[in-house]
């Protein structure tokens, strides 16, 4: 999990980056202080049709929703009757939207990208007209500054300063490649591996709300290989870089690495981890263990691979289970094997009492 990767609406944030990305449909598919890090270039294999881009921006792009959201102005919300309170052409009564930076990537000719920074707009109509005129292949959404970013050239050097930006988390399926046993990897996704994103969303959503008190979370499909969470509470938007890093670090769990496979979880578990376990285990049983999922305990090859990840101290447990499950008489289901594994490990740990189990 990170918070500085490419997003459907963006790229942010524990680092001092302030631009985030919105991608239109395709035919296939900070600096510090003044702050903008250009998001990843578009996939070279993706060819954008000017005609399709024109249709997309004329018919489908959510201008009103985007303007209302990034204004944080209740008067811009569409009422139930479908008519907005303020005219789209009226300058926003919020001081936030006109100070929001946008950037656009355009292609005057196929393969010839031009990146335009420091765009800002007084109203929804101005934003709409600029997008319709330029038909960008990518739009980056940046921070809110102390002055309209379009005035940056008329300001003294260093005068344009970041005031706020959303706290954004990026969860990529590529981080799960080691446990995706559905045949997918990289940007390829399927319903089976997408369940990992569903699990991650539930854990993060609950943690951000329960442990940090955030209320306004917006979840987006990244457009490629994962999901992004935008925390839009005013308090979140005004967090320092150090505070942003602390929030991200809170959700990190060190499970070792290929070079150093030793890790330690305190007992009892931290409440955040205990809650995550209760959220994840039902999904683990239904989506990760069985044959029609990621097969973690469905075949001998798979359960052997799992048992080999256990600490050397519990080799007797692993050997006993391996022998039992490989027997022709064993007809336990993946869920039953999981329960057996848990019970065997708890019994083994119980023998040690309060003593430290050797690694």
Protein backbone atom coordinates (compact mmCIF):
# COMPACT_ATOMS: atom_id res chain seq x y z
CA UNK A 1 0.00 0.00 0.00
CA UNK A 2 1.27 3.43 -0.82
CA UNK A 3 -0.09 6.90 -1.18
CA UNK A 4 2.04 8.33 -3.97
CA UNK A 5 1.14 6.24 -6.98
CA UNK A 6 -1.07 6.80 -9.98
CA UNK A 7 -4.77 7.29 -9.18
CA UNK A 8 -7.99 7.40 -11.10
CA UNK A 9 -8.41 10.84 -9.68
CA UNK A 10 -4.95 11.02 -8.64
CA UNK A 11 -1.64 10.92 -7.10
CA UNK A 12 -0.72 12.08 -3.59
CA UNK A 13 0.53 12.20 -0.66
CA UNK A 14 2.59 11.11 2.29
CA UNK A 15 5.36 12.62 0.24
CA UNK A 16 5.13 16.29 -0.64
CA UNK A 17 3.46 15.65 -3.96
CA UNK A 18 0.23 17.37 -4.79
CA UNK A 19 -0.96 16.35 -8.21
CA UNK A 20 -3.41 13.53 -8.77
CA UNK A 21 -4.58 11.95 -11.95
CA UNK A 22 -7.89 11.46 -13.75
CA UNK A 23 -7.85 9.36 -16.90
CA UNK A 24 -10.53 9.41 -19.58
CA UNK A 25 -11.59 6.35 -21.50
CA UNK A 26 -9.15 5.23 -24.17
CA UNK A 27 -9.35 3.12 -27.27
CA UNK A 28 -7.48 0.37 -25.32
CA UNK A 29 -6.43 0.79 -22.43
CA UNK A 30 6.40 18.16 -6.08
CA UNK A 31 8.21 19.44 -5.90
CA UNK A 32 8.12 20.81 -2.32
CA UNK A 33 6.16 23.99 -1.75
CA UNK A 34 5.14 24.69 -5.37
CA UNK A 35 4.40 21.02 -5.48
CA UNK A 36 3.62 18.88 -8.37
CA UNK A 37 4.96 15.51 -9.39
CA UNK A 38 3.93 14.51 -12.87
CA UNK A 39 2.10 11.20 -12.75
CA UNK A 40 3.18 8.17 -14.71
CA UNK A 41 3.13 8.52 -18.49
CA UNK A 42 0.33 6.86 -20.34
CA UNK A 43 0.83 3.32 -21.58
CA UNK A 44 2.50 3.61 -24.97
CA UNK A 45 0.21 0.85 -26.27
CA UNK A 46 -2.86 2.97 -25.56
CA UNK A 47 -4.00 4.99 -28.54
CA UNK A 48 -6.41 7.83 -27.80
CA UNK A 49 -8.91 8.75 -30.48
CA UNK A 50 -9.55 12.53 -30.66
CA UNK A 51 -13.10 11.84 -31.79
CA UNK A 52 -13.80 9.47 -28.89
CA UNK A 53 -12.20 11.89 -26.43
CA UNK A 54 -14.46 14.63 -27.75
CA UNK A 55 -17.53 12.43 -27.29
CA UNK A 56 -16.39 11.38 -23.82
CA UNK A 57 -15.85 14.93 -22.61
CA UNK A 58 -19.06 16.17 -24.25
CA UNK A 59 -21.34 13.43 -22.95
CA UNK A 60 -19.84 11.52 -20.02
CA UNK A 61 -17.25 13.47 -18.06
CA UNK A 62 -18.66 14.36 -14.58
CA UNK A 63 -17.91 18.11 -14.57
CA UNK A 64 -20.55 19.01 -12.01
CA UNK A 65 -19.60 16.22 -9.64
CA UNK A 66 -15.91 17.06 -9.88
CA UNK A 67 -16.51 20.77 -9.34
CA UNK A 68 -18.83 20.18 -6.40
CA UNK A 69 -16.45 17.76 -4.75
CA UNK A 70 -13.31 19.85 -5.13
CA UNK A 71 -15.11 23.03 -4.06
CA UNK A 72 -16.24 21.57 -0.73
CA UNK A 73 -19.16 23.96 -1.10
CA UNK A 74 -22.66 22.65 -0.20
CA UNK A 75 -24.25 25.16 -2.58
CA UNK A 76 -22.78 23.28 -5.56
CA UNK A 77 -24.50 19.99 -4.70
CA UNK A 78 -27.28 18.91 -7.07
CA UNK A 79 -30.59 18.78 -5.15
CA UNK A 80 -33.01 15.88 -5.49
CA UNK A 81 -34.93 17.71 -8.26
CA UNK A 82 -31.77 17.62 -10.39
CA UNK A 83 -31.14 21.35 -10.75
CA UNK A 84 -28.04 22.86 -9.19
CA UNK A 85 -28.45 25.76 -6.81
CA UNK A 86 -25.76 27.84 -8.52
CA UNK A 87 -25.32 28.28 -12.24
CA UNK A 88 -22.38 26.30 -13.60
CA UNK A 89 -21.01 29.53 -15.05
CA UNK A 90 -21.07 31.41 -11.76
CA UNK A 91 -17.67 31.74 -10.05
CA UNK A 92 -17.55 29.38 -7.10
CA UNK A 93 -18.57 30.97 -3.82
CA UNK A 94 -15.94 28.72 -2.24
CA UNK A 95 -12.40 30.05 -2.25
CA UNK A 96 -11.10 26.49 -2.55
CA UNK A 97 -11.86 25.61 -6.17
CA UNK A 98 -10.21 28.66 -7.84
CA UNK A 99 -7.01 27.87 -5.92
CA UNK A 100 -6.95 24.21 -6.94
CA UNK A 101 -4.24 23.23 -9.40
CA UNK A 102 -5.03 21.08 -12.42
CA UNK A 103 -2.63 19.88 -15.08
CA UNK A 104 -3.42 18.33 -18.43
CA UNK A 105 -1.56 16.02 -20.76
CA UNK A 106 -2.50 16.56 -24.38
CA UNK A 107 -1.43 14.91 -27.62
CA UNK A 108 -1.34 17.38 -30.52
CA UNK A 109 -0.09 14.43 -32.56
CA UNK A 110 -0.14 10.70 -31.69
CA UNK A 111 2.71 9.92 -29.31
CA UNK A 112 3.63 13.58 -28.85
CA UNK A 113 2.69 14.37 -25.25
CA UNK A 114 2.56 17.94 -23.97
CA UNK A 115 2.24 18.46 -20.23
CA UNK A 116 0.52 21.67 -19.08
CA UNK A 117 0.84 22.71 -15.43
CA UNK A 118 -0.57 25.41 -13.18
CA UNK A 119 -4.11 25.40 -14.53
CA UNK A 120 -6.87 26.77 -12.30
CA UNK A 121 -10.46 27.78 -12.94
CA UNK A 122 -12.93 30.18 -11.36
CA UNK A 123 -15.99 28.09 -12.15
CA UNK A 124 -17.28 24.80 -13.46
CA UNK A 125 -17.89 26.46 -16.82
CA UNK A 126 -14.25 27.51 -17.12
CA UNK A 127 -13.11 23.99 -16.29
CA UNK A 128 -15.54 22.51 -18.80
CA UNK A 129 -14.50 24.87 -21.60
CA UNK A 130 -10.79 24.18 -21.05
CA UNK A 131 -11.25 20.40 -21.06
CA UNK A 132 -13.54 20.45 -24.08
CA UNK A 133 -11.06 22.61 -25.98
CA UNK A 134 -7.93 20.64 -25.15
CA UNK A 135 -9.39 17.11 -24.95
CA UNK A 136 -6.59 15.91 -22.64
CA UNK A 137 -5.54 12.28 -22.50
CA UNK A 138 -4.92 12.72 -18.78
CA UNK A 139 -5.91 15.21 -16.10
CA UNK A 140 -3.97 15.60 -12.87
CA UNK A 141 -5.66 17.05 -9.80
CA UNK A 142 -3.36 18.94 -7.48
CA UNK A 143 -3.31 20.75 -4.19
CA UNK A 144 -5.08 23.90 -3.09
CA UNK A 145 -2.63 26.81 -2.99
CA UNK A 146 -2.63 30.22 -1.34
CA UNK A 147 -3.08 31.86 -4.76
CA UNK A 148 -4.67 30.66 -8.00
CA UNK A 149 -1.94 28.53 -9.63
CA UNK A 150 -2.56 30.16 -13.02
CA UNK A 151 -1.06 33.35 -11.53
CA UNK A 152 2.23 31.63 -10.64
CA UNK A 153 4.29 33.54 -13.22
CA UNK A 154 3.20 36.88 -11.80
CA UNK A 155 4.11 35.93 -8.24
CA UNK A 156 7.53 36.26 -6.63
CA UNK A 157 9.56 33.05 -6.51
CA UNK A 158 8.46 30.88 -3.60
CA UNK A 159 5.26 32.85 -3.03
CA UNK A 160 2.97 30.07 -4.30
CA UNK A 161 2.55 27.69 -1.36
CA UNK A 162 0.50 24.55 -0.80
CA UNK A 163 -2.36 25.06 1.66
CA UNK A 164 -4.12 21.71 1.66
CA UNK A 165 -4.56 18.48 -0.25
CA UNK A 166 -6.50 15.28 0.25
CA UNK A 167 -4.94 12.29 1.97
CA UNK A 168 -4.80 9.58 -0.69
CA UNK A 169 -4.00 5.89 -0.39
CA UNK A 170 -3.18 3.64 -3.32
CA UNK A 171 -3.67 -0.12 -3.08
CA UNK A 172 -2.29 -2.07 -6.05
CA UNK A 173 -3.06 -5.65 -6.99
CA UNK A 174 0.57 -6.02 -8.08
CA UNK A 175 1.46 -6.06 -4.37
CA UNK A 176 -0.53 -9.31 -4.15
CA UNK A 177 1.21 -11.09 -7.04
CA UNK A 178 2.89 -13.47 -4.62
CA UNK A 179 -0.46 -14.83 -3.45
CA UNK A 180 -2.55 -14.46 -6.60
CA UNK A 181 -3.05 -18.04 -7.73
CA UNK A 182 -5.70 -17.23 -10.31
CA UNK A 183 -3.25 -16.82 -13.20
CA UNK A 184 -3.19 -13.02 -13.08
CA UNK A 185 -0.19 -10.79 -12.49
CA UNK A 186 0.76 -7.18 -13.08
CA UNK A 187 -2.15 -5.07 -14.32
CA UNK A 188 -4.21 -8.13 -15.30
CA UNK A 189 -7.21 -8.65 -13.01
CA UNK A 190 -10.12 -11.06 -12.71
CA UNK A 191 -13.04 -11.53 -10.28
CA UNK A 192 -10.98 -13.98 -8.18
CA UNK A 193 -8.05 -11.68 -7.49
CA UNK A 194 -10.28 -8.62 -7.18
CA UNK A 195 -11.48 -10.10 -3.89
CA UNK A 196 -8.14 -8.97 -2.42
CA UNK A 197 -9.13 -5.38 -3.21
CA UNK A 198 -12.52 -5.90 -1.56
CA UNK A 199 -10.77 -7.13 1.59
CA UNK A 200 -8.29 -4.27 1.60
CA UNK A 201 -11.07 -1.69 1.21
CA UNK A 202 -12.97 -3.10 4.18
CA UNK A 203 -9.90 -3.09 6.44
CA UNK A 204 -8.74 0.39 5.43
CA UNK A 205 -12.19 1.91 5.50
CA UNK A 206 -12.87 0.65 9.00
CA UNK A 207 -9.43 1.65 10.27
CA UNK A 208 -9.56 5.18 8.88
CA UNK A 209 -13.02 5.74 10.34
CA UNK A 210 -12.73 3.97 13.68
CA UNK A 211 -9.11 4.71 14.59
CA UNK A 212 -8.66 8.18 13.10
CA UNK A 213 -12.22 9.50 13.10
CA UNK A 214 -12.28 10.32 9.39
CA UNK A 215 -15.77 10.43 7.90
CA UNK A 216 -15.51 11.46 4.26
CA UNK A 217 -13.81 8.66 2.33
CA UNK A 218 -14.13 8.33 -1.44
CA UNK A 219 -13.07 5.05 -3.03
CA UNK A 220 -12.19 4.86 -6.73
CA UNK A 221 -11.12 2.17 -9.15
CA UNK A 222 -7.65 3.22 -10.30
CA UNK A 223 -8.39 2.50 -13.94
CA UNK A 224 -5.66 -0.11 -14.11
CA UNK A 225 -4.68 -2.39 -11.23
CA UNK A 226 -6.18 -1.33 -7.94
CA UNK A 227 -8.15 1.13 -5.86
CA UNK A 228 -7.54 4.54 -4.34
CA UNK A 229 -8.99 6.03 -1.20
CA UNK A 230 -9.34 9.81 -0.97
CA UNK A 231 -9.79 11.03 2.60
CA UNK A 232 -11.54 14.37 2.19
CA UNK A 233 -12.16 15.52 5.76
CA UNK A 234 -10.90 19.05 6.37
CA UNK A 235 -8.55 17.76 9.06
CA UNK A 236 -7.07 15.22 6.67
CA UNK A 237 -6.58 17.81 3.93
CA UNK A 238 -4.52 19.98 6.28
CA UNK A 239 -2.26 17.28 7.70
CA UNK A 240 1.47 17.87 7.64
CA UNK A 241 3.71 15.53 5.64
CA UNK A 242 4.86 13.94 8.90
CA UNK A 243 1.29 13.27 9.98
CA UNK A 244 0.45 11.76 6.59
CA UNK A 245 3.41 9.42 6.87
CA UNK A 246 2.30 8.44 10.37
CA UNK A 247 -1.19 7.52 9.18
CA UNK A 248 0.25 5.37 6.39
CA UNK A 249 2.77 3.73 8.74
CA UNK A 250 -0.03 2.84 11.16
CA UNK A 251 -1.43 0.39 8.60
CA UNK A 252 1.90 -1.22 7.79
CA UNK A 253 2.66 -4.73 9.07
CA UNK A 254 6.20 -6.03 8.77
CA UNK A 255 5.97 -9.65 7.66
CA UNK A 256 9.63 -9.97 6.80
CA UNK A 257 11.14 -10.21 3.34
CA UNK A 258 12.73 -12.72 1.01
CA UNK A 259 16.12 -12.05 2.63
CA UNK A 260 14.88 -11.81 6.20
CA UNK A 261 11.84 -13.94 6.88
CA UNK A 262 11.83 -13.33 10.63
CA UNK A 263 9.02 -11.21 11.95
CA UNK A 264 7.28 -10.77 15.25
CA UNK A 265 3.69 -9.98 16.13
CA UNK A 266 3.04 -8.98 19.70
CA UNK A 267 0.58 -10.92 21.82
CA UNK A 268 -2.13 -9.95 22.32
CA UNK A 269 -2.46 -8.47 18.85
CA UNK A 270 -2.83 -4.74 18.42
CA UNK A 271 -6.59 -3.96 18.26
CA UNK A 272 -6.22 -2.81 14.65
CA UNK A 273 -4.73 -6.16 13.66
CA UNK A 274 -7.26 -8.11 15.69
CA UNK A 275 -10.10 -6.26 13.97
CA UNK A 276 -8.48 -6.80 10.56
CA UNK A 277 -8.24 -10.53 11.27
CA UNK A 278 -11.96 -10.73 12.10
CA UNK A 279 -12.78 -8.89 8.87
CA UNK A 280 -10.45 -10.94 6.69
CA UNK A 281 -10.82 -14.51 7.92
CA UNK A 282 -14.32 -15.10 6.46
CA UNK A 283 -13.08 -13.85 3.06
CA UNK A 284 -9.94 -15.95 3.46
CA UNK A 285 -12.03 -19.07 3.97
CA UNK A 286 -14.40 -18.45 1.05
CA UNK A 287 -12.07 -16.82 -1.49
CA UNK A 288 -8.45 -17.81 -0.77
CA UNK A 289 -8.51 -21.39 0.52
CA UNK A 290 -10.80 -23.35 -1.85
CA UNK A 291 -10.29 -24.77 -5.33
CA UNK A 292 -12.52 -22.13 -6.90
CA UNK A 293 -10.53 -19.39 -5.19
CA UNK A 294 -6.75 -19.10 -4.83
CA UNK A 295 -6.36 -22.77 -3.83
CA UNK A 296 -4.20 -22.14 -0.77
CA UNK A 297 -5.32 -25.39 0.85
CA UNK A 298 -6.95 -27.09 -2.13
CA UNK A 299 -4.10 -29.24 -3.46
CA UNK A 300 -1.08 -30.99 -2.02
CA UNK A 301 1.31 -28.66 -3.85
CA UNK A 302 -0.44 -25.62 -2.44
CA UNK A 303 -0.74 -26.76 1.16
CA UNK A 304 2.88 -27.95 1.11
CA UNK A 305 3.92 -24.47 0.01
CA UNK A 306 1.90 -22.98 2.87
CA UNK A 307 3.32 -25.35 5.49
CA UNK A 308 6.86 -24.49 4.37
CA UNK A 309 6.24 -20.87 5.39
CA UNK A 310 5.77 -21.86 9.03
CA UNK A 311 8.63 -21.25 11.50
CA UNK A 312 11.13 -24.10 11.85
CA UNK A 313 10.08 -24.50 15.47
CA UNK A 314 6.72 -25.89 14.36
CA UNK A 315 8.14 -28.39 11.87
CA UNK A 316 6.61 -31.27 13.88
CA UNK A 317 3.18 -29.69 13.40
CA UNK A 318 3.75 -29.17 9.68
CA UNK A 319 5.03 -32.72 9.17
CA UNK A 320 2.10 -34.27 10.99
CA UNK A 321 -0.46 -32.26 9.01
CA UNK A 322 1.33 -32.94 5.72
CA UNK A 323 1.21 -36.68 6.40
CA UNK A 324 -2.46 -36.60 7.41
CA UNK A 325 -3.64 -34.46 4.48
CA UNK A 326 -1.68 -36.54 1.95
CA UNK A 327 -3.36 -39.74 3.16
CA UNK A 328 -5.86 -41.32 0.78
CA UNK A 329 -8.26 -41.51 3.70
CA UNK A 330 -8.26 -37.77 4.28
CA UNK A 331 -11.25 -36.02 2.78
CA UNK A 332 -11.16 -32.76 4.71
CA UNK A 333 -12.16 -29.59 2.91
CA UNK A 334 -9.84 -26.56 2.66
CA UNK A 335 -11.84 -24.89 5.42
CA UNK A 336 -11.49 -27.95 7.66
CA UNK A 337 -7.75 -28.04 6.96
CA UNK A 338 -7.54 -24.41 8.02
CA UNK A 339 -9.28 -25.18 11.30
CA UNK A 340 -6.97 -28.15 11.86
CA UNK A 341 -3.90 -26.00 11.23
CA UNK A 342 -5.06 -23.34 13.68
CA UNK A 343 -5.90 -25.91 16.35
CA UNK A 344 -2.54 -27.69 15.93
CA UNK A 345 -0.58 -24.45 16.19
CA UNK A 346 -2.51 -23.28 19.25
CA UNK A 347 -1.92 -26.66 20.92
CA UNK A 348 1.79 -26.44 20.14
CA UNK A 349 2.06 -22.91 21.49
CA UNK A 350 0.12 -23.96 24.57
CA UNK A 351 2.81 -26.50 25.43
CA UNK A 352 5.30 -23.68 25.79
CA UNK A 353 3.12 -21.73 28.19
CA UNK A 354 4.57 -18.26 28.65
CA UNK A 355 7.98 -19.28 27.29
CA UNK A 356 9.15 -17.86 23.99
CA UNK A 357 8.65 -20.32 21.15
CA UNK A 358 11.96 -20.82 19.32
CA UNK A 359 12.17 -19.64 15.71
